[in-house]
Amino acid sequence: MQTNRSEVRHRADSKVVLVTGASSGIGEATARRLAADGHHVFAGARRLQRLEQLAAEITGGGGTAAFARLDVTDAADFAAFAAAAIERFGRIDVLVNNAGVMPLSPLAALRTGEWDRMIDVNLRGVLHGIAAALPRMREQGSGHIVNVASVGAREVSPTAAVYCATKYAVRAISEGLRQESDGRVRVSLISPGVTESELADSIGDPEAREAMRSYRRVALPARAIADAIAYAVNQPADVDVNEITVRPTRSVQ
């Protein structure tokens, strides 16, 4: 869905929102939705061409968006991304930690490189984002960190042990950050059920790939998760939406 000029809601309380993994799926849908809500979006991902197209479509539709290349596994790169957002917009109001990978496989397959990749992107990436944005938010006296987890943050299924472990960790980090924030920084955990995205494209294990093909027959559009994120972001400052789980209506898990 593109952002049309007539859809953009110009608002006095516009926020500067950083979105990771914004080149596709939930991240892209979130950037479009928040821009349509009148916020200033700073999009990050590794695929610059897609980010450039996204920003052009948002700005062409009357919204505000900029972008920079981002590798969330690199703490220095994330710090530079946050600095670029501050240089462009002057502040950071919201960070949407969305980037993630999901190369599922049975533990016995010993695909240790894929385990490391999930830990680096899904877990360290979130921590790098917090480290880059939190000091600025505390300095401002306000901010909002939105971490995208999964229903896998509450349940484990075969082939998904390491993936779920990273999402359980994101849930724990989110709750710890909420308790430590002293009301200055809001924290939201968004847990999608099966959602249309490129996540499953990274599954190399044949058994896990076939199981996921069946599992994903009932899936949400990415915009459904973007709507949940927008709901949390658009609440007044004294309302902290801590957790939202979104599943397809017909989902049994």
C-alpha atoms as a PDB file:
ATOM      1  CA  MET A   1       0.000   0.000   0.000  1.00  0.00           C
ATOM      2  CA  GLN A   2       1.373   3.393  -0.932  1.00  0.00           C
ATOM      3  CA  THR A   3       0.847   6.514   1.119  1.00  0.00           C
ATOM      4  CA  ASN A   4      -1.446   8.857  -0.784  1.00  0.00           C
ATOM      5  CA  ARG A   5      -1.285  12.601  -0.163  1.00  0.00           C
ATOM      6  CA  SER A   6      -4.958  12.690   0.821  1.00  0.00           C
ATOM      7  CA  GLU A   7      -4.363  10.030   3.486  1.00  0.00           C
ATOM      8  CA  VAL A   8      -1.616  11.864   5.390  1.00  0.00           C
ATOM      9  CA  ARG A   9      -2.866  13.270   8.692  1.00  0.00           C
ATOM     10  CA  HIS A  10      -0.976  16.448   9.477  1.00  0.00           C
ATOM     11  CA  ARG A  11      -0.648  16.725  13.251  1.00  0.00           C
ATOM     12  CA  ALA A  12       0.863  19.028  15.828  1.00  0.00           C
ATOM     13  CA  ASP A  13       2.223  16.103  17.862  1.00  0.00           C
ATOM     14  CA  SER A  14       4.265  14.501  15.073  1.00  0.00           C
ATOM     15  CA  LYS A  15       6.988  12.170  16.323  1.00  0.00           C
ATOM     16  CA  VAL A  16      10.334  11.212  14.865  1.00  0.00           C
ATOM     17  CA  VAL A  17      10.150   7.437  14.410  1.00  0.00           C
ATOM     18  CA  LEU A  18      13.088   5.170  13.572  1.00  0.00           C
ATOM     19  CA  VAL A  19      12.072   1.872  11.954  1.00  0.00           C
ATOM     20  CA  THR A  20      14.514  -1.002  11.414  1.00  0.00           C
ATOM     21  CA  GLY A  21      14.021  -3.727   8.852  1.00  0.00           C
ATOM     22  CA  ALA A  22      12.030  -1.183   6.848  1.00  0.00           C
ATOM     23  CA  SER A  23      12.814  -2.537   3.381  1.00  0.00           C
ATOM     24  CA  SER A  24       9.986  -5.095   3.434  1.00  0.00           C
ATOM     25  CA  GLY A  25       7.230  -6.754   5.436  1.00  0.00           C
ATOM     26  CA  ILE A  26       6.213  -5.366   8.819  1.00  0.00           C
ATOM     27  CA  GLY A  27       8.912  -2.688   8.805  1.00  0.00           C
ATOM     28  CA  GLU A  28       7.869  -1.286   5.451  1.00  0.00           C
ATOM     29  CA  ALA A  29       4.175  -1.388   6.370  1.00  0.00           C
ATOM     30  CA  THR A  30       4.938   0.350   9.673  1.00  0.00           C
ATOM     31  CA  ALA A  31       6.909   3.121   7.976  1.00  0.00           C
ATOM     32  CA  ARG A  32       4.020   3.727   5.582  1.00  0.00           C
ATOM     33  CA  ARG A  33       1.370   3.665   8.310  1.00  0.00           C
ATOM     34  CA  LEU A  34       3.203   6.002  10.686  1.00  0.00           C
ATOM     35  CA  ALA A  35       4.028   8.412   7.883  1.00  0.00           C
ATOM     36  CA  ALA A  36       0.346   8.409   6.922  1.00  0.00           C
ATOM     37  CA  ASP A  37      -0.415   9.241  10.563  1.00  0.00           C
ATOM     38  CA  GLY A  38       1.711  12.365  10.205  1.00  0.00           C
ATOM     39  CA  HIS A  39       4.922  11.189  11.865  1.00  0.00           C
ATOM     40  CA  HIS A  40       8.458  11.741  10.548  1.00  0.00           C
ATOM     41  CA  VAL A  41       9.911   8.368   9.575  1.00  0.00           C
ATOM     42  CA  PHE A  42      13.602   7.484   9.448  1.00  0.00           C
ATOM     43  CA  ALA A  43      13.871   4.061   7.813  1.00  0.00           C
ATOM     44  CA  GLY A  44      16.776   1.661   8.144  1.00  0.00           C
ATOM     45  CA  ALA A  45      17.734  -1.625   6.475  1.00  0.00           C
ATOM     46  CA  ARG A  46      20.569  -3.057   4.419  1.00  0.00           C
ATOM     47  CA  ARG A  47      18.795  -2.807   1.051  1.00  0.00           C
ATOM     48  CA  LEU A  48      19.233   0.858   0.138  1.00  0.00           C
ATOM     49  CA  GLN A  49      17.374   0.693  -3.163  1.00  0.00           C
ATOM     50  CA  ARG A  50      14.205  -0.464  -1.436  1.00  0.00           C
ATOM     51  CA  LEU A  51      14.555   2.215   1.233  1.00  0.00           C
ATOM     52  CA  GLU A  52      15.013   4.874  -1.418  1.00  0.00           C
ATOM     53  CA  GLN A  53      11.837   3.746  -3.170  1.00  0.00           C
ATOM     54  CA  LEU A  54       9.925   3.643   0.116  1.00  0.00           C
ATOM     55  CA  ALA A  55      10.998   7.155   1.098  1.00  0.00           C
ATOM     56  CA  ALA A  56      10.187   8.489  -2.352  1.00  0.00           C
ATOM     57  CA  GLU A  57       6.679   7.035  -2.230  1.00  0.00           C
ATOM     58  CA  ILE A  58       6.032   8.397   1.257  1.00  0.00           C
ATOM     59  CA  THR A  59       7.278  11.887   0.453  1.00  0.00           C
ATOM     60  CA  GLY A  60       5.519  11.821  -2.905  1.00  0.00           C
ATOM     61  CA  GLY A  61       2.297  11.147  -1.019  1.00  0.00           C
ATOM     62  CA  GLY A  62       2.760  14.124   1.274  1.00  0.00           C
ATOM     63  CA  GLY A  63       4.471  12.344   4.175  1.00  0.00           C
ATOM     64  CA  THR A  64       7.918  12.845   5.675  1.00  0.00           C
ATOM     65  CA  ALA A  65      10.567  10.149   5.385  1.00  0.00           C
ATOM     66  CA  ALA A  66      14.321   9.767   5.164  1.00  0.00           C
ATOM     67  CA  PHE A  67      16.521   6.693   5.254  1.00  0.00           C
ATOM     68  CA  ALA A  68      19.987   5.308   5.878  1.00  0.00           C
ATOM     69  CA  ARG A  69      21.612   1.933   5.493  1.00  0.00           C
ATOM     70  CA  LEU A  70      21.575  -0.039   8.729  1.00  0.00           C
ATOM     71  CA  ASP A  71      23.082  -3.335   9.855  1.00  0.00           C
ATOM     72  CA  VAL A  72      21.533  -3.912  13.283  1.00  0.00           C
ATOM     73  CA  THR A  73      24.184  -6.500  14.171  1.00  0.00           C
ATOM     74  CA  ASP A  74      26.825  -3.741  14.229  1.00  0.00           C
ATOM     75  CA  ALA A  75      26.558  -1.540  17.328  1.00  0.00           C
ATOM     76  CA  ALA A  76      28.615   1.251  15.753  1.00  0.00           C
ATOM     77  CA  ASP A  77      26.417   1.176  12.651  1.00  0.00           C
ATOM     78  CA  PHE A  78      23.293   1.489  14.790  1.00  0.00           C
ATOM     79  CA  ALA A  79      24.817   4.404  16.704  1.00  0.00           C
ATOM     80  CA  ALA A  80      25.592   6.124  13.396  1.00  0.00           C
ATOM     81  CA  PHE A  81      22.028   5.468  12.223  1.00  0.00           C
ATOM     82  CA  ALA A  82      20.619   7.123  15.343  1.00  0.00           C
ATOM     83  CA  ALA A  83      23.018  10.051  14.948  1.00  0.00           C
ATOM     84  CA  ALA A  84      21.901  10.496  11.341  1.00  0.00           C
ATOM     85  CA  ALA A  85      18.259  10.583  12.445  1.00  0.00           C
ATOM     86  CA  ILE A  86      19.066  13.257  15.041  1.00  0.00           C
ATOM     87  CA  GLU A  87      20.988  15.287  12.463  1.00  0.00           C
ATOM     88  CA  ARG A  88      18.034  15.070  10.067  1.00  0.00           C
ATOM     89  CA  PHE A  89      15.131  15.580  12.487  1.00  0.00           C
ATOM     90  CA  GLY A  90      16.676  16.846  15.733  1.00  0.00           C
ATOM     91  CA  ARG A  91      15.407  14.124  18.068  1.00  0.00           C
ATOM     92  CA  ILE A  92      14.331  10.489  18.452  1.00  0.00           C
ATOM     93  CA  ASP A  93      10.834   9.968  19.811  1.00  0.00           C
ATOM     94  CA  VAL A  94      10.200   6.353  18.856  1.00  0.00           C
ATOM     95  CA  LEU A  95      12.387   3.396  17.915  1.00  0.00           C
ATOM     96  CA  VAL A  96      10.676   0.417  16.286  1.00  0.00           C
ATOM     97  CA  ASN A  97      13.073  -2.526  16.657  1.00  0.00           C
ATOM     98  CA  ASN A  98      11.618  -4.671  13.898  1.00  0.00           C
ATOM     99  CA  ALA A  99      14.527  -6.272  12.017  1.00  0.00           C
ATOM    100  CA  GLY A 100      14.557 -10.053  12.363  1.00  0.00           C
ATOM    101  CA  VAL A 101      15.480 -13.352  10.731  1.00  0.00           C
ATOM    102  CA  MET A 102      13.954 -16.814  11.083  1.00  0.00           C
ATOM    103  CA  PRO A 103      16.052 -19.624   9.537  1.00  0.00           C
ATOM    104  CA  LEU A 104      14.289 -22.462  11.375  1.00  0.00           C
ATOM    105  CA  SER A 105      15.763 -25.950  11.722  1.00  0.00           C
ATOM    106  CA  PRO A 106      15.786 -28.847  14.212  1.00  0.00           C
ATOM    107  CA  LEU A 107      18.522 -28.485  16.801  1.00  0.00           C
ATOM    108  CA  ALA A 108      19.916 -31.842  15.680  1.00  0.00           C
ATOM    109  CA  ALA A 109      20.658 -30.323  12.274  1.00  0.00           C
ATOM    110  CA  LEU A 110      23.404 -28.314  14.027  1.00  0.00           C
ATOM    111  CA  ARG A 111      23.053 -25.279  11.757  1.00  0.00           C
ATOM    112  CA  THR A 112      25.122 -23.263  14.203  1.00  0.00           C
ATOM    113  CA  GLY A 113      25.778 -20.411  11.780  1.00  0.00           C
ATOM    114  CA  GLU A 114      22.041 -19.834  11.538  1.00  0.00           C
ATOM    115  CA  TRP A 115      21.743 -19.925  15.344  1.00  0.00           C
ATOM    116  CA  ASP A 116      24.384 -17.205  15.561  1.00  0.00           C
ATOM    117  CA  ARG A 117      22.623 -15.138  12.917  1.00  0.00           C
ATOM    118  CA  MET A 118      19.321 -15.215  14.811  1.00  0.00           C
ATOM    119  CA  ILE A 119      21.044 -14.231  18.047  1.00  0.00           C
ATOM    120  CA  ASP A 120      22.908 -11.417  16.294  1.00  0.00           C
ATOM    121  CA  VAL A 121      19.894  -9.929  14.492  1.00  0.00           C
ATOM    122  CA  ASN A 122      16.933 -10.757  16.721  1.00  0.00           C
ATOM    123  CA  LEU A 123      18.579 -10.222  20.091  1.00  0.00           C
ATOM    124  CA  ARG A 124      21.775  -8.201  19.747  1.00  0.00           C
ATOM    125  CA  GLY A 125      20.071  -6.025  17.159  1.00  0.00           C
ATOM    126  CA  VAL A 126      17.423  -5.037  19.699  1.00  0.00           C
ATOM    127  CA  LEU A 127      20.058  -4.324  22.345  1.00  0.00           C
ATOM    128  CA  HIS A 128      22.076  -2.244  19.885  1.00  0.00           C
ATOM    129  CA  GLY A 129      18.946  -0.239  19.124  1.00  0.00           C
ATOM    130  CA  ILE A 130      18.261   0.382  22.781  1.00  0.00           C
ATOM    131  CA  ALA A 131      21.884   1.422  23.343  1.00  0.00           C
ATOM    132  CA  ALA A 132      21.692   3.857  20.421  1.00  0.00           C
ATOM    133  CA  ALA A 133      18.334   5.459  21.249  1.00  0.00           C
ATOM    134  CA  LEU A 134      17.850   5.246  25.009  1.00  0.00           C
ATOM    135  CA  PRO A 135      20.445   7.857  26.083  1.00  0.00           C
ATOM    136  CA  ARG A 136      18.879  10.424  23.748  1.00  0.00           C
ATOM    137  CA  MET A 137      15.377   9.610  24.980  1.00  0.00           C
ATOM    138  CA  ARG A 138      16.428   9.949  28.614  1.00  0.00           C
ATOM    139  CA  GLU A 139      18.112  13.249  27.816  1.00  0.00           C
ATOM    140  CA  GLN A 140      14.876  14.466  26.208  1.00  0.00           C
ATOM    141  CA  GLY A 141      12.842  13.192  29.136  1.00  0.00           C
ATOM    142  CA  SER A 142      10.617  11.094  26.892  1.00  0.00           C
ATOM    143  CA  GLY A 143      10.665   8.385  24.261  1.00  0.00           C
ATOM    144  CA  HIS A 144       9.115   5.116  23.182  1.00  0.00           C
ATOM    145  CA  ILE A 145      10.807   1.838  22.293  1.00  0.00           C
ATOM    146  CA  VAL A 146       8.686  -0.665  20.373  1.00  0.00           C
ATOM    147  CA  ASN A 147      10.155  -4.154  20.138  1.00  0.00           C
ATOM    148  CA  VAL A 148       8.670  -6.552  17.607  1.00  0.00           C
ATOM    149  CA  ALA A 149       8.778 -10.064  19.028  1.00  0.00           C
ATOM    150  CA  SER A 150       6.499 -12.955  18.014  1.00  0.00           C
ATOM    151  CA  VAL A 151       3.975 -15.372  19.439  1.00  0.00           C
ATOM    152  CA  GLY A 152       7.189 -17.378  19.688  1.00  0.00           C
ATOM    153  CA  ALA A 153       8.018 -15.199  22.691  1.00  0.00           C
ATOM    154  CA  ARG A 154       5.473 -17.258  24.655  1.00  0.00           C
ATOM    155  CA  GLU A 155       5.507 -20.700  23.043  1.00  0.00           C
ATOM    156  CA  VAL A 156       8.039 -23.037  21.446  1.00  0.00           C
ATOM    157  CA  SER A 157       7.515 -25.326  18.475  1.00  0.00           C
ATOM    158  CA  PRO A 158       9.740 -27.910  16.768  1.00  0.00           C
ATOM    159  CA  THR A 159      12.462 -26.363  14.554  1.00  0.00           C
ATOM    160  CA  ALA A 160      11.960 -22.977  16.265  1.00  0.00           C
ATOM    161  CA  ALA A 161      13.857 -23.441  19.548  1.00  0.00           C
ATOM    162  CA  VAL A 162      16.579 -20.869  18.880  1.00  0.00           C
ATOM    163  CA  TYR A 163      14.228 -18.427  17.160  1.00  0.00           C
ATOM    164  CA  CYS A 164      11.822 -18.610  20.099  1.00  0.00           C
ATOM    165  CA  ALA A 165      14.713 -18.239  22.534  1.00  0.00           C
ATOM    166  CA  THR A 166      15.644 -14.919  20.915  1.00  0.00           C
ATOM    167  CA  LYS A 167      12.042 -13.726  21.104  1.00  0.00           C
ATOM    168  CA  TYR A 168      11.664 -14.833  24.742  1.00  0.00           C
ATOM    169  CA  ALA A 169      14.778 -12.758  25.420  1.00  0.00           C
ATOM    170  CA  VAL A 170      13.298  -9.715  23.650  1.00  0.00           C
ATOM    171  CA  ARG A 171      10.202 -10.073  25.814  1.00  0.00           C
ATOM    172  CA  ALA A 172      12.338 -10.174  28.962  1.00  0.00           C
ATOM    173  CA  ILE A 173      14.405  -7.174  27.855  1.00  0.00           C
ATOM    174  CA  SER A 174      11.255  -5.211  27.083  1.00  0.00           C
ATOM    175  CA  GLU A 175       9.775  -5.849  30.513  1.00  0.00           C
ATOM    176  CA  GLY A 176      13.042  -5.021  32.244  1.00  0.00           C
ATOM    177  CA  LEU A 177      13.357  -1.784  30.311  1.00  0.00           C
ATOM    178  CA  ARG A 178       9.779  -0.856  31.166  1.00  0.00           C
ATOM    179  CA  GLN A 179      10.431  -1.339  34.875  1.00  0.00           C
ATOM    180  CA  GLU A 180      13.629   0.715  34.707  1.00  0.00           C
ATOM    181  CA  SER A 181      12.214   3.605  32.688  1.00  0.00           C
ATOM    182  CA  ASP A 182      10.777   5.635  35.605  1.00  0.00           C
ATOM    183  CA  GLY A 183       7.970   6.784  33.354  1.00  0.00           C
ATOM    184  CA  ARG A 184      10.297   8.628  30.998  1.00  0.00           C
ATOM    185  CA  VAL A 185      10.424   6.010  28.246  1.00  0.00           C
ATOM    186  CA  ARG A 186       7.430   3.969  27.163  1.00  0.00           C
ATOM    187  CA  VAL A 187       8.011   0.354  26.124  1.00  0.00           C
ATOM    188  CA  SER A 188       5.788  -1.763  23.907  1.00  0.00           C
ATOM    189  CA  LEU A 189       6.187  -5.408  22.892  1.00  0.00           C
ATOM    190  CA  ILE A 190       4.340  -6.352  19.703  1.00  0.00           C
ATOM    191  CA  SER A 191       3.968 -10.093  19.137  1.00  0.00           C
ATOM    192  CA  PRO A 192       2.719 -11.053  15.673  1.00  0.00           C
ATOM    193  CA  GLY A 193       1.298 -14.415  14.811  1.00  0.00           C
ATOM    194  CA  VAL A 194       1.849 -15.723  11.295  1.00  0.00           C
ATOM    195  CA  THR A 195       2.302 -12.700   9.067  1.00  0.00           C
ATOM    196  CA  GLU A 196       3.037 -12.283   5.378  1.00  0.00           C
ATOM    197  CA  SER A 197       6.722 -11.382   5.144  1.00  0.00           C
ATOM    198  CA  GLU A 198      10.086 -12.519   3.813  1.00  0.00           C
ATOM    199  CA  LEU A 199      11.048 -14.148   7.124  1.00  0.00           C
ATOM    200  CA  ALA A 200      10.411 -17.688   5.891  1.00  0.00           C
ATOM    201  CA  ASP A 201      12.589 -17.122   2.818  1.00  0.00           C
ATOM    202  CA  SER A 202      15.694 -17.634   4.956  1.00  0.00           C
ATOM    203  CA  ILE A 203      14.764 -21.194   5.982  1.00  0.00           C
ATOM    204  CA  GLY A 204      17.323 -23.531   4.461  1.00  0.00           C
ATOM    205  CA  ASP A 205      16.433 -26.721   6.313  1.00  0.00           C
ATOM    206  CA  PRO A 206      14.066 -28.818   4.098  1.00  0.00           C
ATOM    207  CA  GLU A 207      12.033 -30.184   7.031  1.00  0.00           C
ATOM    208  CA  ALA A 208      11.491 -26.769   8.569  1.00  0.00           C
ATOM    209  CA  ARG A 209      10.743 -25.193   5.184  1.00  0.00           C
ATOM    210  CA  GLU A 210       7.971 -27.705   4.476  1.00  0.00           C
ATOM    211  CA  ALA A 211       6.482 -27.327   7.951  1.00  0.00           C
ATOM    212  CA  MET A 212       6.455 -23.535   7.598  1.00  0.00           C
ATOM    213  CA  ARG A 213       4.773 -23.739   4.187  1.00  0.00           C
ATOM    214  CA  SER A 214       1.831 -25.499   5.836  1.00  0.00           C
ATOM    215  CA  TYR A 215       1.910 -23.273   8.925  1.00  0.00           C
ATOM    216  CA  ARG A 216       1.731 -20.083   6.874  1.00  0.00           C
ATOM    217  CA  ARG A 217      -1.415 -20.992   4.926  1.00  0.00           C
ATOM    218  CA  VAL A 218      -3.313 -18.696   7.293  1.00  0.00           C
ATOM    219  CA  ALA A 219      -1.421 -15.419   7.610  1.00  0.00           C
ATOM    220  CA  LEU A 220      -2.016 -11.772   8.467  1.00  0.00           C
ATOM    221  CA  PRO A 221      -1.080  -8.965   6.096  1.00  0.00           C
ATOM    222  CA  ALA A 222       1.860  -6.913   7.337  1.00  0.00           C
ATOM    223  CA  ARG A 223      -0.398  -3.868   7.650  1.00  0.00           C
ATOM    224  CA  ALA A 224      -2.248  -5.579  10.528  1.00  0.00           C
ATOM    225  CA  ILE A 225       0.925  -5.494  12.606  1.00  0.00           C
ATOM    226  CA  ALA A 226       1.661  -1.954  11.469  1.00  0.00           C
ATOM    227  CA  ASP A 227      -1.783  -0.965  12.739  1.00  0.00           C
ATOM    228  CA  ALA A 228      -0.986  -2.488  16.147  1.00  0.00           C
ATOM    229  CA  ILE A 229       2.307  -0.592  16.315  1.00  0.00           C
ATOM    230  CA  ALA A 230       0.550   2.626  15.315  1.00  0.00           C
ATOM    231  CA  TYR A 231      -2.028   2.082  18.062  1.00  0.00           C
ATOM    232  CA  ALA A 232       0.723   1.924  20.678  1.00  0.00           C
ATOM    233  CA  VAL A 233       2.666   4.861  19.243  1.00  0.00           C
ATOM    234  CA  ASN A 234      -0.364   7.131  18.927  1.00  0.00           C
ATOM    235  CA  GLN A 235      -1.493   6.850  22.545  1.00  0.00           C
ATOM    236  CA  PRO A 236      -1.186   9.970  24.721  1.00  0.00           C
ATOM    237  CA  ALA A 237       1.990  10.347  26.767  1.00  0.00           C
ATOM    238  CA  ASP A 238       0.392   9.041  29.964  1.00  0.00           C
ATOM    239  CA  VAL A 239      -0.675   5.756  28.332  1.00  0.00           C
ATOM    240  CA  ASP A 240       1.918   2.991  27.950  1.00  0.00           C
ATOM    241  CA  VAL A 241       0.678   0.045  25.878  1.00  0.00           C
ATOM    242  CA  ASN A 242       3.010  -2.698  27.071  1.00  0.00           C
ATOM    243  CA  GLU A 243       2.033  -5.779  25.076  1.00  0.00           C
ATOM    244  CA  ILE A 244      -0.050  -6.536  22.004  1.00  0.00           C
ATOM    245  CA  THR A 245      -0.428  -9.989  20.466  1.00  0.00           C
ATOM    246  CA  VAL A 246      -1.964 -10.154  16.996  1.00  0.00           C
ATOM    247  CA  ARG A 247      -2.993 -13.441  15.408  1.00  0.00           C
ATOM    248  CA  PRO A 248      -5.064 -14.430  12.385  1.00  0.00           C
ATOM    249  CA  THR A 249      -8.638 -15.080  13.481  1.00  0.00           C
ATOM    250  CA  ARG A 250      -8.427 -18.687  12.267  1.00  0.00           C
ATOM    251  CA  SER A 251      -5.094 -19.365  13.966  1.00  0.00           C
ATOM    252  CA  VAL A 252      -5.076 -22.207  16.482  1.00  0.00           C
ATOM    253  CA  GLN A 253      -1.615 -21.358  17.894  1.00  0.00           C
END
